Amino acid sequence: MTLRLFRAIRMATVVAGLALAALSIGPAHAVPSFARQTGAECAACHVGSYGPHLTAYGIMFKLGGYTDTGGDQGKDAVPLSMQLRLLRSSPAQGSATTQIDQASVYLAGRLADSMGAFIEARREENPNGQTAPVNTFLGNVDLRYVREAKVGGKEGLFGLSLNNSPGVQDPIDANQIWGFPAIATDGSLFNPVIAGQLPRRVLGVTGYAYLDKAWYGEFGGYRSMPRSMQNNLGLDPAANDPGAISGIAPYWRLAYIRDFKTQMVSFGLYGMTAEKQLAVLSPPGAPRATSRSGPADKFRDVGLDATYQYRGDRSNTLQLRANYVDEHRDYGSTPTAFGFSAAPTGKVREATFAATYSFNETWSATAARMRTRTSQDAVRYLNGTADSNVKYFNVMWVPFGKENSWRAPFANLRLMAEWLRFDKFNGASDDLFGARFGGPLVNAHDLNTFNLSASIAF
């Protein structure tokens, strides 16, 4: 069996999981426990009431360590919330399904005067069929300690974050954790929908400062979780282990974030460097690798992002988001196939653009485009590259989540329709996984999906 056919078969087994995971774009994190704590409706913190995209007030609440309250009564609020999602998914190829595909419990809010948390435990249908059909795992974690101080007569906010995904702690929601991850079969260290990348499978500590209500800086480092810990947290290390990080992987972030009351702008840079020792890929039908005994690859990522938000009197809200990541790789090995050697270095470039419009914090629409470009490598990639080009659209109705809503702030409901359209995937528009070598015949448009969902949080 050739290396190309081997990779085609392996890729075909995970493509359905990648496509379905991508449909969780923009997870709902308008957590009602935050609203009970602050006394403010979810619409005060989130564009369109239900999240995840933050208003200027929501950004300051996050920077403040989730500790702000609406008075003494808010200090006694229990920081627990739950969310359920009912999903009907209609793929272009295959049968439609209807199920409760996600259930989440959140510890989210103030824990002490200077300490707060956002911690998610999730139970969801497993899209790739590699393990049990239902999986319970630890989702995003962001535990914070904050203090205020003046520097040179200017206001300053300083904090520490213990988290499990580079970017989950970032106050701006343009990155791939909170924004729109590029959907492909290969991707950057930050990409949460690519198997084997860092989100949710590392632990890190970062320190940050926000000065003069404008300048933001952050620096820290990450280590990969041991495979035993990933397994205990429901994260399936046999399929998705990112590899053992050598030493500590440094992470840095610089940004300008300014609130102009009716408008808000931000732009910034971030980056990360990691050397990972990968698990050896098992042949089809054999037990998966149980140790990190593969070669060590070096990754250097630099990203930039920008956002613009117009809120006015909140009856019409527009938010624009852009994110770009450039990753350089130095591979620790150069496999061969058909007499050709793989390239010793590689590039991955991911770009996402999104626009969201909200009317009266009730009706919203989003359009996004996600692109991945990789360097040419005829051995590592079946079609020479892992390029992708994906478009995403949604429309949402949020009848609850505002100050005068029924049972506010306890009841929050979102009804949404989503379209996901693939123009290119795995380096091709047709025959993505090597039917010419005996693999399955799948074209890019076969991955298109239409979803209807109802999400409730309380």
Protein backbone atom coordinates (compact mmCIF):
# COMPACT_ATOMS: atom_id res chain seq x y z
CA MET A 1 0.00 0.00 0.00
CA THR A 2 1.50 3.36 -0.99
CA LEU A 3 1.96 6.25 1.42
CA ARG A 4 -0.52 8.27 -0.64
CA LEU A 5 -3.26 5.66 -0.40
CA PHE A 6 -2.57 5.25 3.30
CA ARG A 7 -3.03 8.99 3.84
CA ALA A 8 -6.16 9.06 1.68
CA ILE A 9 -7.83 6.38 3.76
CA ARG A 10 -6.85 8.04 7.03
CA MET A 11 -8.05 11.42 5.75
CA ALA A 12 -11.41 10.01 4.65
CA THR A 13 -12.05 8.69 8.16
CA VAL A 14 -11.72 12.14 9.73
CA VAL A 15 -13.20 14.43 7.08
CA ALA A 16 -16.75 14.01 8.35
CA GLY A 17 -15.56 14.89 11.83
CA LEU A 18 -13.77 18.00 10.61
CA ALA A 19 -16.80 19.24 8.72
CA LEU A 20 -19.15 18.67 11.64
CA ALA A 21 -16.73 20.19 14.12
CA ALA A 22 -16.56 23.28 11.93
CA LEU A 23 -20.30 23.70 12.30
CA SER A 24 -19.72 24.51 15.96
CA ILE A 25 -18.18 27.77 14.75
CA GLY A 26 -18.88 30.57 17.16
CA PRO A 27 -19.88 28.49 20.20
CA ALA A 28 -22.42 30.22 22.42
CA HIS A 29 -20.74 31.67 25.48
CA ALA A 30 -23.30 34.22 26.60
CA VAL A 31 -23.29 32.41 29.93
CA PRO A 32 -26.31 33.35 32.08
CA SER A 33 -24.28 33.10 35.30
CA PHE A 34 -22.37 36.20 34.12
CA ALA A 35 -25.68 38.05 33.70
CA ARG A 36 -26.90 37.00 37.16
CA GLN A 37 -23.61 38.18 38.67
CA THR A 38 -23.49 41.58 36.97
CA GLY A 39 -27.20 42.31 36.77
CA ALA A 40 -26.68 43.16 33.08
CA GLU A 41 -28.44 41.34 30.27
CA CYS A 42 -26.46 39.08 27.92
CA ALA A 43 -26.90 41.72 25.18
CA ALA A 44 -24.69 44.09 27.20
CA CYS A 45 -21.68 41.80 26.74
CA HIS A 46 -22.41 40.06 23.44
CA VAL A 47 -23.22 41.16 19.92
CA GLY A 48 -26.66 39.73 19.13
CA SER A 49 -27.26 38.74 22.78
CA TYR A 50 -26.02 35.14 22.62
CA GLY A 51 -22.30 35.34 21.87
CA PRO A 52 -19.58 34.57 21.52
CA HIS A 53 -18.55 37.96 20.08
CA LEU A 54 -17.93 40.58 22.75
CA THR A 55 -18.93 44.21 23.06
CA ALA A 56 -16.59 46.73 24.69
CA TYR A 57 -18.30 46.06 28.04
CA GLY A 58 -17.83 42.32 27.54
CA ILE A 59 -14.13 42.81 26.79
CA MET A 60 -13.62 44.75 30.03
CA PHE A 61 -15.55 42.13 32.00
CA LYS A 62 -13.20 39.44 30.65
CA LEU A 63 -10.06 41.51 31.24
CA GLY A 64 -11.29 42.09 34.79
CA GLY A 65 -11.18 38.36 35.43
CA TYR A 66 -14.96 37.78 35.28
CA THR A 67 -15.18 39.40 38.74
CA ASP A 68 -17.37 42.48 38.12
CA THR A 69 -20.67 42.42 40.01
CA GLY A 70 -23.82 44.46 40.04
CA GLY A 71 -23.52 45.04 43.79
CA ASP A 72 -23.52 42.93 46.93
CA GLN A 73 -26.26 40.66 45.57
CA GLY A 74 -24.07 39.81 42.56
CA LYS A 75 -21.30 38.64 44.87
CA ASP A 76 -23.55 35.82 46.06
CA ALA A 77 -24.51 34.64 42.56
CA VAL A 78 -23.77 30.96 41.94
CA PRO A 79 -21.33 30.82 38.95
CA LEU A 80 -22.95 27.81 37.29
CA SER A 81 -24.77 27.62 33.95
CA MET A 82 -25.86 24.98 31.46
CA GLN A 83 -26.45 24.88 27.72
CA LEU A 84 -28.20 22.40 25.43
CA ARG A 85 -28.25 22.34 21.63
CA LEU A 86 -30.75 20.53 19.43
CA LEU A 87 -29.29 20.15 15.93
CA ARG A 88 -30.73 19.00 12.63
CA SER A 89 -27.89 18.51 10.18
CA SER A 90 -28.52 17.97 6.46
CA PRO A 91 -25.31 17.17 4.57
CA ALA A 92 -25.12 17.28 0.78
CA GLN A 93 -24.20 13.58 0.84
CA GLY A 94 -25.71 11.25 3.42
CA SER A 95 -28.79 11.25 5.61
CA ALA A 96 -30.09 14.11 7.71
CA THR A 97 -29.89 13.66 11.47
CA THR A 98 -31.72 15.30 14.37
CA GLN A 99 -30.32 15.03 17.88
CA ILE A 100 -29.26 16.85 21.01
CA ASP A 101 -25.63 16.98 19.97
CA GLN A 102 -24.20 19.17 22.75
CA ALA A 103 -24.73 19.62 26.46
CA SER A 104 -22.39 21.86 28.44
CA VAL A 105 -21.95 22.82 32.08
CA TYR A 106 -20.06 26.02 32.90
CA LEU A 107 -18.31 27.22 36.02
CA ALA A 108 -18.28 30.84 34.93
CA GLY A 109 -18.00 33.90 37.09
CA ARG A 110 -16.50 35.40 40.22
CA LEU A 111 -14.77 33.00 42.61
CA ALA A 112 -13.21 35.62 44.91
CA ASP A 113 -12.61 39.39 44.93
CA SER A 114 -9.73 39.11 42.44
CA MET A 115 -10.33 35.69 40.93
CA GLY A 116 -12.77 34.41 38.32
CA ALA A 117 -13.17 31.55 35.91
CA PHE A 118 -14.64 30.31 32.68
CA ILE A 119 -14.54 26.50 32.66
CA GLU A 120 -16.59 24.31 30.34
CA ALA A 121 -17.37 20.59 30.58
CA ARG A 122 -19.06 19.33 27.42
CA ARG A 123 -20.89 16.20 26.36
CA GLU A 124 -21.42 15.85 22.62
CA GLU A 125 -21.96 13.42 19.81
CA ASN A 126 -18.62 12.22 18.49
CA PRO A 127 -18.52 13.14 14.79
CA ASN A 128 -15.61 10.98 13.69
CA GLY A 129 -16.70 7.64 15.09
CA GLN A 130 -13.19 6.93 16.32
CA THR A 131 -14.27 6.39 19.91
CA ALA A 132 -17.61 6.11 21.69
CA PRO A 133 -20.59 7.74 19.88
CA VAL A 134 -20.97 10.15 22.82
CA ASN A 135 -17.99 11.82 24.43
CA THR A 136 -17.67 13.87 27.63
CA PHE A 137 -14.61 16.09 27.83
CA LEU A 138 -13.12 19.25 29.29
CA GLY A 139 -13.70 22.19 26.96
CA ASN A 140 -12.22 25.66 27.21
CA VAL A 141 -10.62 26.69 30.51
CA ASP A 142 -9.65 30.22 31.59
CA LEU A 143 -8.92 30.76 35.30
CA ARG A 144 -7.86 34.34 36.15
CA TYR A 145 -6.35 36.46 38.91
CA VAL A 146 -6.44 40.26 38.42
CA ARG A 147 -5.33 43.45 40.12
CA GLU A 148 -5.65 47.16 39.29
CA ALA A 149 -2.79 49.63 39.63
CA LYS A 150 -1.67 52.96 38.18
CA VAL A 151 1.45 53.22 36.03
CA GLY A 152 2.79 56.71 35.37
CA GLY A 153 -0.55 58.13 36.42
CA LYS A 154 -2.39 55.95 33.89
CA GLU A 155 -4.92 53.29 34.77
CA GLY A 156 -3.63 49.76 34.52
CA LEU A 157 -5.17 46.31 34.78
CA PHE A 158 -2.86 43.35 35.40
CA GLY A 159 -3.70 39.68 35.43
CA LEU A 160 -2.65 36.05 35.23
CA SER A 161 -4.49 33.37 33.26
CA LEU A 162 -4.25 29.61 33.62
CA ASN A 163 -5.77 28.20 30.43
CA ASN A 164 -5.75 25.23 28.06
CA SER A 165 -5.90 26.87 24.62
CA PRO A 166 -3.59 29.61 23.30
CA GLY A 167 -6.02 32.44 22.52
CA VAL A 168 -8.95 31.36 24.70
CA GLN A 169 -7.88 34.03 27.21
CA ASP A 170 -7.58 36.76 24.56
CA PRO A 171 -10.09 39.62 25.00
CA ILE A 172 -10.56 40.02 21.23
CA ASP A 173 -12.70 37.37 19.54
CA ALA A 174 -11.11 37.42 16.09
CA ASN A 175 -8.75 34.49 16.65
CA GLN A 176 -9.56 30.91 15.76
CA ILE A 177 -10.78 29.88 19.21
CA TRP A 178 -13.60 32.44 19.30
CA GLY A 179 -13.79 33.51 15.67
CA PHE A 180 -13.87 31.27 12.62
CA PRO A 181 -11.22 28.57 12.42
CA ALA A 182 -9.83 27.75 8.99
CA ILE A 183 -11.25 24.35 7.98
CA ALA A 184 -8.71 22.07 6.33
CA THR A 185 -6.78 18.83 6.74
CA ASP A 186 -3.73 20.70 8.00
CA GLY A 187 -3.43 23.88 10.00
CA SER A 188 -1.62 26.10 12.47
CA LEU A 189 -0.88 25.48 16.13
CA PHE A 190 -3.91 27.63 17.08
CA ASN A 191 -6.51 25.79 14.99
CA PRO A 192 -9.13 24.04 17.20
CA VAL A 193 -10.70 21.88 14.45
CA ILE A 194 -7.50 20.25 13.18
CA ALA A 195 -6.58 16.96 14.87
CA GLY A 196 -3.26 17.11 16.68
CA GLN A 197 -3.10 20.86 17.28
CA LEU A 198 -2.77 22.61 20.65
CA PRO A 199 -6.23 23.89 21.70
CA ARG A 200 -7.60 22.08 24.78
CA ARG A 201 -4.57 19.75 24.92
CA VAL A 202 -2.04 22.02 26.59
CA LEU A 203 -1.77 23.88 29.88
CA GLY A 204 -0.25 27.32 30.10
CA VAL A 205 0.12 30.39 32.27
CA THR A 206 0.16 33.87 30.75
CA GLY A 207 0.49 37.30 32.33
CA TYR A 208 -1.17 40.35 30.80
CA ALA A 209 -1.47 44.10 31.22
CA TYR A 210 -4.03 46.56 29.82
CA LEU A 211 -2.78 50.15 30.11
CA ASP A 212 -4.49 53.50 29.59
CA LYS A 213 -7.62 51.74 28.30
CA ALA A 214 -5.83 51.13 25.01
CA TRP A 215 -2.63 49.05 25.07
CA TYR A 216 -2.67 45.33 25.72
CA GLY A 217 0.30 43.02 26.17
CA GLU A 218 0.53 39.37 27.17
CA PHE A 219 3.30 36.80 27.52
CA GLY A 220 3.42 33.23 28.79
CA GLY A 221 4.17 29.63 27.96
CA TYR A 222 2.52 26.25 27.40
CA ARG A 223 3.27 22.58 27.92
CA SER A 224 1.40 19.69 26.33
CA MET A 225 -0.77 17.61 28.62
CA PRO A 226 0.47 14.07 29.28
CA ARG A 227 -1.42 11.50 27.26
CA SER A 228 -2.82 10.03 30.50
CA MET A 229 -4.26 13.42 31.49
CA GLN A 230 -5.82 13.92 28.05
CA ASN A 231 -7.41 10.50 28.34
CA ASN A 232 -8.79 11.27 31.83
CA LEU A 233 -10.26 14.53 30.52
CA GLY A 234 -12.03 12.75 27.64
CA LEU A 235 -9.77 14.23 24.94
CA ASP A 236 -8.90 10.99 23.06
CA PRO A 237 -5.08 11.31 22.85
CA ALA A 238 -4.84 8.26 20.58
CA ALA A 239 -6.49 10.23 17.76
CA ASN A 240 -5.66 13.85 18.56
CA ASP A 241 -2.52 14.10 20.69
CA PRO A 242 -0.53 17.20 19.57
CA GLY A 243 2.76 15.60 20.61
CA ALA A 244 5.14 16.31 23.46
CA ILE A 245 6.34 19.92 23.56
CA SER A 246 10.05 20.24 24.22
CA GLY A 247 10.52 22.62 27.12
CA ILE A 248 7.97 25.44 27.23
CA ALA A 249 6.31 26.85 24.11
CA PRO A 250 6.34 30.68 24.47
CA TYR A 251 3.23 32.70 23.55
CA TRP A 252 3.08 36.48 23.11
CA ARG A 253 0.45 39.06 22.24
CA LEU A 254 0.44 42.83 21.58
CA ALA A 255 -2.69 44.78 20.69
CA TYR A 256 -4.37 48.17 20.61
CA ILE A 257 -7.95 48.03 21.91
CA ARG A 258 -9.93 51.25 22.12
CA ASP A 259 -13.57 51.87 22.97
CA PHE A 260 -15.07 55.03 21.45
CA LYS A 261 -18.50 54.44 23.07
CA THR A 262 -20.52 53.98 19.89
CA GLN A 263 -17.60 52.31 18.10
CA MET A 264 -14.69 50.05 19.00
CA VAL A 265 -11.51 49.13 17.12
CA SER A 266 -8.65 46.74 17.74
CA PHE A 267 -5.63 45.46 15.90
CA GLY A 268 -2.65 43.46 17.02
CA LEU A 269 -0.03 40.77 16.63
CA TYR A 270 0.48 37.44 18.37
CA GLY A 271 2.75 34.45 18.02
CA MET A 272 3.97 31.14 19.37
CA THR A 273 6.95 28.82 18.91
CA ALA A 274 6.84 25.11 19.69
CA GLU A 275 8.93 22.01 19.10
CA LYS A 276 6.73 18.92 19.17
CA GLN A 277 7.73 15.27 19.26
CA LEU A 278 4.96 13.53 17.39
CA ALA A 279 3.42 10.11 17.91
CA VAL A 280 4.30 7.51 15.29
CA LEU A 281 1.44 7.02 12.80
CA SER A 282 0.07 3.48 13.04
CA PRO A 283 -0.76 1.60 9.82
CA PRO A 284 -4.46 1.01 9.05
CA GLY A 285 -6.03 -1.64 11.27
CA ALA A 286 -3.16 -1.61 13.79
CA PRO A 287 -3.42 -0.25 17.35
CA ARG A 288 -2.87 3.49 17.55
CA ALA A 289 0.40 4.86 18.83
CA THR A 290 0.63 4.98 22.61
CA SER A 291 3.91 6.92 22.97
CA ARG A 292 5.49 10.08 21.57
CA SER A 293 8.40 8.43 19.82
CA GLY A 294 8.27 10.17 16.46
CA PRO A 295 10.51 12.91 15.08
CA ALA A 296 10.50 16.43 16.50
CA ASP A 297 9.07 19.18 14.29
CA LYS A 298 9.58 22.90 14.92
CA PHE A 299 6.73 25.39 14.43
CA ARG A 300 6.91 29.18 14.39
CA ASP A 301 3.54 30.96 14.18
CA VAL A 302 2.88 34.67 13.78
CA GLY A 303 -0.65 36.03 13.53
CA LEU A 304 -2.34 39.37 13.11
CA ASP A 305 -5.96 40.35 13.68
CA ALA A 306 -8.23 43.36 13.46
CA THR A 307 -11.80 44.14 14.47
CA TYR A 308 -14.22 47.01 14.03
CA GLN A 309 -17.52 47.30 15.84
CA TYR A 310 -20.28 49.87 15.44
CA ARG A 311 -23.04 49.77 18.05
CA GLY A 312 -24.61 53.24 18.02
CA ASP A 313 -27.75 53.04 20.16
CA ARG A 314 -27.61 49.19 19.92
CA SER A 315 -30.54 48.96 17.53
CA ASN A 316 -28.09 48.34 14.68
CA THR A 317 -24.77 46.64 15.33
CA LEU A 318 -22.05 45.81 12.82
CA GLN A 319 -18.91 43.86 13.58
CA LEU A 320 -16.06 43.10 11.17
CA ARG A 321 -13.32 40.60 12.06
CA ALA A 322 -10.14 39.51 10.27
CA ASN A 323 -7.46 37.06 11.31
CA TYR A 324 -4.32 35.78 9.57
CA VAL A 325 -1.76 33.21 10.75
CA ASP A 326 1.54 32.38 9.06
CA GLU A 327 3.24 29.20 10.24
CA HIS A 328 6.75 28.08 9.30
CA ARG A 329 7.77 24.46 9.89
CA ASP A 330 11.12 22.69 10.13
CA TYR A 331 10.39 18.99 9.87
CA GLY A 332 12.38 16.47 11.86
CA SER A 333 12.11 13.84 9.13
CA THR A 334 11.69 13.70 5.36
CA PRO A 335 9.67 10.61 4.36
CA THR A 336 9.86 9.31 0.80
CA ALA A 337 7.34 7.91 -1.66
CA PHE A 338 7.72 6.92 -5.32
CA GLY A 339 11.38 7.91 -5.12
CA PHE A 340 10.59 11.48 -4.00
CA SER A 341 11.53 12.96 -0.64
CA ALA A 342 9.25 15.22 1.36
CA ALA A 343 10.31 18.85 1.79
CA PRO A 344 12.42 19.56 4.89
CA THR A 345 10.43 22.76 5.58
CA GLY A 346 6.84 23.87 5.06
CA LYS A 347 4.41 26.75 5.29
CA VAL A 348 0.78 27.01 6.38
CA ARG A 349 -1.17 30.25 5.97
CA GLU A 350 -4.68 30.64 7.36
CA ALA A 351 -6.95 33.63 6.75
CA THR A 352 -10.48 34.22 7.99
CA PHE A 353 -12.81 37.17 7.41
CA ALA A 354 -16.24 37.61 8.97
CA ALA A 355 -18.99 40.22 9.20
CA THR A 356 -21.93 40.15 11.61
CA TYR A 357 -24.96 42.45 11.57
CA SER A 358 -27.48 42.52 14.42
CA PHE A 359 -30.84 44.31 14.55
CA ASN A 360 -32.29 45.20 17.96
CA GLU A 361 -30.04 42.55 19.56
CA THR A 362 -32.58 40.02 18.28
CA TRP A 363 -31.98 39.27 14.61
CA SER A 364 -28.46 38.61 13.35
CA ALA A 365 -26.70 37.44 10.21
CA THR A 366 -23.08 36.44 9.69
CA ALA A 367 -21.02 35.78 6.57
CA ALA A 368 -17.49 34.39 6.79
CA ARG A 369 -14.77 33.10 4.52
CA MET A 370 -12.02 30.74 5.69
CA ARG A 371 -8.96 29.90 3.61
CA THR A 372 -5.92 27.70 4.13
CA ARG A 373 -2.84 27.67 1.92
CA THR A 374 0.07 25.25 2.38
CA SER A 375 3.39 24.91 0.60
CA GLN A 376 3.76 22.29 -2.11
CA ASP A 377 4.69 18.82 -0.84
CA ALA A 378 3.86 15.86 -3.07
CA VAL A 379 4.75 13.31 -0.37
CA ARG A 380 2.99 14.75 2.68
CA TYR A 381 -0.12 15.87 0.79
CA LEU A 382 -2.12 13.59 -1.47
CA ASN A 383 -3.00 16.41 -3.88
CA GLY A 384 0.29 18.29 -3.50
CA THR A 385 -1.17 20.78 -0.96
CA ALA A 386 -3.82 20.85 1.77
CA ASP A 387 -5.38 24.09 0.48
CA SER A 388 -9.02 24.82 1.38
CA ASN A 389 -11.60 27.49 0.63
CA VAL A 390 -14.75 27.45 2.74
CA LYS A 391 -17.68 29.87 3.05
CA TYR A 392 -20.00 30.08 6.05
CA PHE A 393 -23.36 31.85 6.51
CA ASN A 394 -25.87 31.96 9.31
CA VAL A 395 -29.03 33.77 10.38
CA MET A 396 -30.11 33.87 14.01
CA TRP A 397 -33.13 34.81 16.08
CA VAL A 398 -32.62 35.41 19.80
CA PRO A 399 -36.02 36.12 21.40
CA PHE A 400 -34.56 36.08 24.93
CA GLY A 401 -31.36 37.47 26.42
CA LYS A 402 -32.26 41.13 26.81
CA GLU A 403 -33.14 43.11 29.92
CA ASN A 404 -36.91 42.98 29.33
CA SER A 405 -36.95 39.39 28.08
CA TRP A 406 -39.08 36.69 29.67
CA ARG A 407 -37.33 35.18 32.70
CA ALA A 408 -34.22 37.33 32.13
CA PRO A 409 -31.41 36.63 32.80
CA PHE A 410 -32.21 32.94 33.34
CA ALA A 411 -33.73 32.09 29.96
CA ASN A 412 -31.65 32.44 26.80
CA LEU A 413 -32.72 30.94 23.49
CA ARG A 414 -31.13 31.05 20.04
CA LEU A 415 -32.63 29.64 16.84
CA MET A 416 -30.16 29.45 13.97
CA ALA A 417 -29.81 28.32 10.37
CA GLU A 418 -26.29 27.66 9.05
CA TRP A 419 -24.80 26.94 5.65
CA LEU A 420 -21.29 25.60 5.15
CA ARG A 421 -20.00 25.55 1.56
CA PHE A 422 -16.72 23.94 0.47
CA ASP A 423 -15.16 25.23 -2.76
CA LYS A 424 -11.84 23.48 -2.12
CA PHE A 425 -10.61 21.01 0.47
CA ASN A 426 -7.48 18.90 0.96
CA GLY A 427 -5.85 20.63 -2.00
CA ALA A 428 -8.55 19.93 -4.60
CA SER A 429 -12.11 20.66 -5.68
CA ASP A 430 -12.72 17.15 -7.05
CA ASP A 431 -11.54 13.73 -5.91
CA LEU A 432 -10.32 14.96 -2.53
CA PHE A 433 -9.12 11.64 -1.14
CA GLY A 434 -7.66 9.72 -4.02
CA ALA A 435 -10.29 7.68 -5.81
CA ARG A 436 -7.65 7.34 -8.51
CA PHE A 437 -5.57 5.35 -6.00
CA GLY A 438 -8.48 3.29 -4.73
CA GLY A 439 -9.76 5.69 -2.06
CA PRO A 440 -13.28 7.07 -1.75
CA LEU A 441 -14.63 9.49 -4.38
CA VAL A 442 -15.46 12.73 -2.56
CA ASN A 443 -15.76 16.15 -4.16
CA ALA A 444 -15.61 19.45 -2.28
CA HIS A 445 -19.31 20.21 -2.70
CA ASP A 446 -20.15 16.80 -1.21
CA LEU A 447 -19.08 18.25 2.14
CA ASN A 448 -21.60 21.11 2.02
CA THR A 449 -23.99 21.10 4.98
CA PHE A 450 -27.14 22.93 6.06
CA ASN A 451 -28.01 23.03 9.77
CA LEU A 452 -30.95 24.11 11.88
CA SER A 453 -30.36 24.39 15.60
CA ALA A 454 -31.98 25.55 18.82
CA SER A 455 -29.70 26.40 21.73
CA ILE A 456 -30.88 27.18 25.24
CA ALA A 457 -28.75 28.40 28.13
CA PHE A 458 -29.81 28.87 31.73
